[in-house]
Amino acid sequence: MYRKNALKKKLLAGAPVLSSWLRLASPVAAEIMPLVGYDGAVIDLEHGPVDYFCSTTLMRAMPATPTTPIYVFHVTIQSRSYAPTIQVSKGA
């Protein structure tokens, strides 16, 4: 299901945005983030207890909301370490 990226739209318009780190590996916490008004939820795959499989569960907990998941992960390319990299999910 495709939805517009409300966070990206606000950033491009120069509007302020509110995001927070989602440090709990809990879909319930991911469901609460949009209810309290966050535009983005930062899911940390590098420093916290969240792994790839848990992150997909967290992302599935927010599909019908305007809150955009933002991932932080560690990338190693050709034996070089780049950390942390933030990638905003693609959207409109």
N, C-alpha and C. Protein backbone atom coordinates (compact mmCIF):
# COMPACT_ATOMS: atom_id res chain seq x y z
N MET A 1 0.84 -1.17 0.00
CA MET A 1 0.00 0.00 0.00
C MET A 1 0.89 1.24 0.00
N TYR A 2 0.77 2.05 -1.01
CA TYR A 2 1.58 3.26 -1.15
C TYR A 2 0.90 4.42 -0.44
N ARG A 3 1.69 5.21 0.25
CA ARG A 3 1.16 6.43 0.86
C ARG A 3 2.18 7.54 0.69
N LYS A 4 1.71 8.75 0.72
CA LYS A 4 2.59 9.91 0.56
C LYS A 4 3.49 10.04 1.78
N ASN A 5 4.70 10.50 1.57
CA ASN A 5 5.66 10.71 2.64
C ASN A 5 5.45 12.12 3.21
N ALA A 6 4.67 12.20 4.28
CA ALA A 6 4.32 13.49 4.88
C ALA A 6 5.54 14.20 5.46
N LEU A 7 6.49 13.44 6.00
CA LEU A 7 7.70 14.02 6.56
C LEU A 7 8.52 14.72 5.48
N LYS A 8 8.70 14.05 4.36
CA LYS A 8 9.47 14.62 3.25
C LYS A 8 8.78 15.87 2.71
N LYS A 9 7.46 15.82 2.61
CA LYS A 9 6.70 16.97 2.12
C LYS A 9 6.88 18.19 3.03
N LYS A 10 6.84 17.97 4.35
CA LYS A 10 7.03 19.07 5.30
C LYS A 10 8.45 19.63 5.23
N LEU A 11 9.44 18.74 5.12
CA LEU A 11 10.83 19.19 5.04
C LEU A 11 11.07 20.02 3.78
N LEU A 12 10.53 19.57 2.66
CA LEU A 12 10.70 20.32 1.41
C LEU A 12 10.00 21.67 1.44
N ALA A 13 8.93 21.76 2.22
CA ALA A 13 8.19 23.02 2.35
C ALA A 13 8.83 23.95 3.38
N GLY A 14 9.84 23.46 4.09
CA GLY A 14 10.50 24.28 5.10
C GLY A 14 9.75 24.32 6.42
N ALA A 15 8.78 23.45 6.60
CA ALA A 15 7.99 23.40 7.83
C ALA A 15 8.75 22.62 8.90
N PRO A 16 8.53 22.95 10.16
CA PRO A 16 9.19 22.18 11.23
C PRO A 16 8.59 20.78 11.33
N VAL A 17 9.42 19.82 11.70
CA VAL A 17 8.97 18.45 11.89
C VAL A 17 9.39 17.97 13.27
N LEU A 18 8.66 16.99 13.79
CA LEU A 18 8.95 16.43 15.10
C LEU A 18 9.14 14.94 14.96
N SER A 19 10.34 14.46 15.31
CA SER A 19 10.66 13.04 15.25
C SER A 19 11.27 12.62 16.58
N SER A 20 11.23 11.34 16.84
CA SER A 20 11.81 10.81 18.06
C SER A 20 12.40 9.44 17.79
N TRP A 21 13.35 9.03 18.62
CA TRP A 21 13.95 7.71 18.52
C TRP A 21 12.96 6.68 19.05
N LEU A 22 12.80 5.60 18.34
CA LEU A 22 11.98 4.48 18.78
C LEU A 22 12.95 3.40 19.27
N ARG A 23 13.28 3.44 20.55
CA ARG A 23 14.29 2.56 21.11
C ARG A 23 13.71 1.23 21.61
N LEU A 24 12.41 1.15 21.72
CA LEU A 24 11.77 -0.08 22.18
C LEU A 24 11.48 -0.98 20.99
N ALA A 25 11.73 -2.26 21.15
CA ALA A 25 11.44 -3.22 20.09
C ALA A 25 10.00 -3.71 20.24
N SER A 26 9.07 -2.74 20.27
CA SER A 26 7.68 -3.07 20.53
C SER A 26 6.77 -2.43 19.49
N PRO A 27 5.93 -3.22 18.82
CA PRO A 27 4.97 -2.65 17.87
C PRO A 27 3.97 -1.71 18.56
N VAL A 28 3.70 -1.95 19.84
CA VAL A 28 2.79 -1.07 20.58
C VAL A 28 3.38 0.33 20.65
N ALA A 29 4.68 0.43 20.93
CA ALA A 29 5.34 1.74 20.97
C ALA A 29 5.30 2.40 19.60
N ALA A 30 5.46 1.61 18.54
CA ALA A 30 5.40 2.15 17.18
C ALA A 30 3.99 2.65 16.84
N GLU A 31 2.97 2.03 17.39
CA GLU A 31 1.60 2.49 17.17
C GLU A 31 1.31 3.77 17.94
N ILE A 32 1.97 3.97 19.06
CA ILE A 32 1.75 5.17 19.88
C ILE A 32 2.40 6.40 19.27
N MET A 33 3.52 6.24 18.59
CA MET A 33 4.26 7.39 18.02
C MET A 33 3.35 8.31 17.19
N PRO A 34 2.57 7.79 16.25
CA PRO A 34 1.70 8.67 15.47
C PRO A 34 0.58 9.29 16.30
N LEU A 35 0.12 8.57 17.31
CA LEU A 35 -0.99 9.08 18.12
C LEU A 35 -0.61 10.31 18.92
N VAL A 36 0.67 10.45 19.26
CA VAL A 36 1.11 11.62 20.02
C VAL A 36 1.63 12.73 19.12
N GLY A 37 1.59 12.50 17.80
CA GLY A 37 1.88 13.58 16.87
C GLY A 37 3.25 13.63 16.24
N TYR A 38 4.04 12.56 16.33
CA TYR A 38 5.35 12.57 15.70
C TYR A 38 5.24 12.43 14.18
N ASP A 39 6.05 13.23 13.47
CA ASP A 39 6.11 13.14 12.01
C ASP A 39 7.01 11.99 11.56
N GLY A 40 7.99 11.64 12.38
CA GLY A 40 8.92 10.58 12.05
C GLY A 40 9.30 9.77 13.27
N ALA A 41 9.63 8.51 13.05
CA ALA A 41 10.11 7.64 14.12
C ALA A 41 11.44 7.05 13.67
N VAL A 42 12.50 7.35 14.40
CA VAL A 42 13.83 6.88 14.06
C VAL A 42 14.02 5.49 14.66
N ILE A 43 14.23 4.51 13.79
CA ILE A 43 14.43 3.12 14.20
C ILE A 43 15.92 2.82 14.06
N ASP A 44 16.58 2.58 15.20
CA ASP A 44 18.03 2.42 15.23
C ASP A 44 18.40 0.94 15.14
N LEU A 45 18.94 0.53 14.01
CA LEU A 45 19.36 -0.85 13.81
C LEU A 45 20.81 -1.08 14.21
N GLU A 46 21.49 -0.02 14.61
CA GLU A 46 22.91 -0.14 14.93
C GLU A 46 23.18 -0.22 16.43
N HIS A 47 22.55 0.63 17.21
CA HIS A 47 22.89 0.75 18.62
C HIS A 47 21.89 0.13 19.58
N GLY A 48 20.70 -0.16 19.13
CA GLY A 48 19.65 -0.63 20.03
C GLY A 48 19.34 -2.11 19.90
N PRO A 49 18.28 -2.54 20.56
CA PRO A 49 17.90 -3.95 20.53
C PRO A 49 17.14 -4.37 19.27
N VAL A 50 16.91 -3.43 18.37
CA VAL A 50 16.11 -3.70 17.18
C VAL A 50 16.99 -4.28 16.07
N ASP A 51 16.56 -5.40 15.49
CA ASP A 51 17.25 -5.98 14.34
C ASP A 51 16.36 -5.82 13.11
N TYR A 52 16.80 -6.36 11.98
CA TYR A 52 16.06 -6.18 10.72
C TYR A 52 14.64 -6.73 10.82
N PHE A 53 14.48 -7.93 11.37
CA PHE A 53 13.15 -8.54 11.42
C PHE A 53 12.22 -7.78 12.35
N CYS A 54 12.75 -7.30 13.46
CA CYS A 54 11.95 -6.50 14.38
C CYS A 54 11.58 -5.16 13.74
N SER A 55 12.50 -4.60 12.97
CA SER A 55 12.22 -3.30 12.34
C SER A 55 11.07 -3.39 11.34
N THR A 56 10.94 -4.52 10.66
CA THR A 56 9.82 -4.66 9.72
C THR A 56 8.50 -4.74 10.49
N THR A 57 8.52 -5.33 11.67
CA THR A 57 7.32 -5.38 12.51
C THR A 57 6.96 -3.97 12.98
N LEU A 58 7.95 -3.19 13.36
CA LEU A 58 7.70 -1.81 13.79
C LEU A 58 7.15 -0.98 12.64
N MET A 59 7.70 -1.18 11.45
CA MET A 59 7.23 -0.43 10.30
C MET A 59 5.80 -0.81 9.94
N ARG A 60 5.46 -2.08 10.07
CA ARG A 60 4.09 -2.53 9.78
C ARG A 60 3.08 -2.01 10.79
N ALA A 61 3.55 -1.58 11.95
CA ALA A 61 2.64 -1.05 12.97
C ALA A 61 2.19 0.37 12.65
N MET A 62 2.83 1.04 11.69
CA MET A 62 2.49 2.43 11.37
C MET A 62 2.00 2.64 9.94
N PRO A 63 1.43 1.69 9.24
CA PRO A 63 1.17 1.91 7.81
C PRO A 63 0.05 2.90 7.51
N ALA A 64 -0.93 3.01 8.36
CA ALA A 64 -2.08 3.86 8.07
C ALA A 64 -1.94 5.25 8.70
N THR A 65 -0.73 5.61 9.07
CA THR A 65 -0.50 6.90 9.73
C THR A 65 0.48 7.73 8.90
N PRO A 66 0.50 9.03 9.14
CA PRO A 66 1.45 9.88 8.40
C PRO A 66 2.88 9.83 8.95
N THR A 67 3.11 9.09 10.03
CA THR A 67 4.45 9.01 10.62
C THR A 67 5.37 8.19 9.72
N THR A 68 6.53 8.77 9.39
CA THR A 68 7.49 8.14 8.50
C THR A 68 8.57 7.43 9.30
N PRO A 69 8.82 6.14 9.03
CA PRO A 69 9.94 5.48 9.70
C PRO A 69 11.26 5.94 9.08
N ILE A 70 12.23 6.23 9.95
CA ILE A 70 13.56 6.65 9.53
C ILE A 70 14.54 5.63 10.12
N TYR A 71 15.39 5.06 9.29
CA TYR A 71 16.30 4.01 9.74
C TYR A 71 17.71 4.52 9.93
N VAL A 72 18.37 4.06 10.99
CA VAL A 72 19.79 4.27 11.22
C VAL A 72 20.43 2.88 11.20
N PHE A 73 21.42 2.71 10.34
CA PHE A 73 22.07 1.41 10.23
C PHE A 73 23.53 1.59 9.88
N HIS A 74 24.30 0.57 10.11
CA HIS A 74 25.73 0.59 9.83
C HIS A 74 25.98 -0.06 8.48
N VAL A 75 26.78 0.59 7.65
CA VAL A 75 27.05 0.08 6.32
C VAL A 75 28.55 -0.13 6.15
N THR A 76 28.95 -1.27 5.63
CA THR A 76 30.34 -1.53 5.30
C THR A 76 30.43 -1.76 3.80
N ILE A 77 31.24 -0.93 3.12
CA ILE A 77 31.40 -1.04 1.67
C ILE A 77 32.89 -1.15 1.38
N GLN A 78 33.30 -2.22 0.70
CA GLN A 78 34.69 -2.45 0.32
C GLN A 78 35.64 -2.27 1.50
N SER A 79 35.32 -2.92 2.59
CA SER A 79 36.14 -2.91 3.80
C SER A 79 36.27 -1.53 4.42
N ARG A 80 35.39 -0.60 4.06
CA ARG A 80 35.37 0.71 4.70
C ARG A 80 34.10 0.82 5.52
N SER A 81 34.20 1.40 6.66
CA SER A 81 33.05 1.51 7.55
C SER A 81 32.49 2.92 7.50
N TYR A 82 31.19 3.02 7.26
CA TYR A 82 30.48 4.29 7.26
C TYR A 82 29.36 4.17 8.28
N ALA A 83 29.40 4.98 9.33
CA ALA A 83 28.36 4.86 10.35
C ALA A 83 28.11 6.19 11.01
N PRO A 84 26.95 6.48 11.48
CA PRO A 84 25.69 5.86 11.04
C PRO A 84 25.16 6.56 9.80
N THR A 85 24.41 5.88 9.04
CA THR A 85 23.77 6.44 7.85
C THR A 85 22.28 6.51 8.11
N ILE A 86 21.69 7.64 7.81
CA ILE A 86 20.24 7.79 7.98
C ILE A 86 19.60 7.80 6.60
N GLN A 87 18.61 6.98 6.42
CA GLN A 87 17.90 6.92 5.15
C GLN A 87 16.42 7.16 5.41
N VAL A 88 15.88 8.17 4.78
CA VAL A 88 14.45 8.42 4.89
C VAL A 88 13.75 7.58 3.85
N SER A 89 12.68 6.92 4.25
CA SER A 89 11.96 6.07 3.29
C SER A 89 11.49 6.90 2.11
N LYS A 90 11.52 6.33 0.93
CA LYS A 90 11.16 7.04 -0.28
C LYS A 90 9.67 7.26 -0.35
N GLY A 91 9.27 8.36 -0.91
CA GLY A 91 7.86 8.68 -1.03
C GLY A 91 7.66 9.81 -2.00
N ALA A 92 6.52 10.41 -1.94
CA ALA A 92 6.17 11.47 -2.88
C ALA A 92 7.03 12.69 -2.69
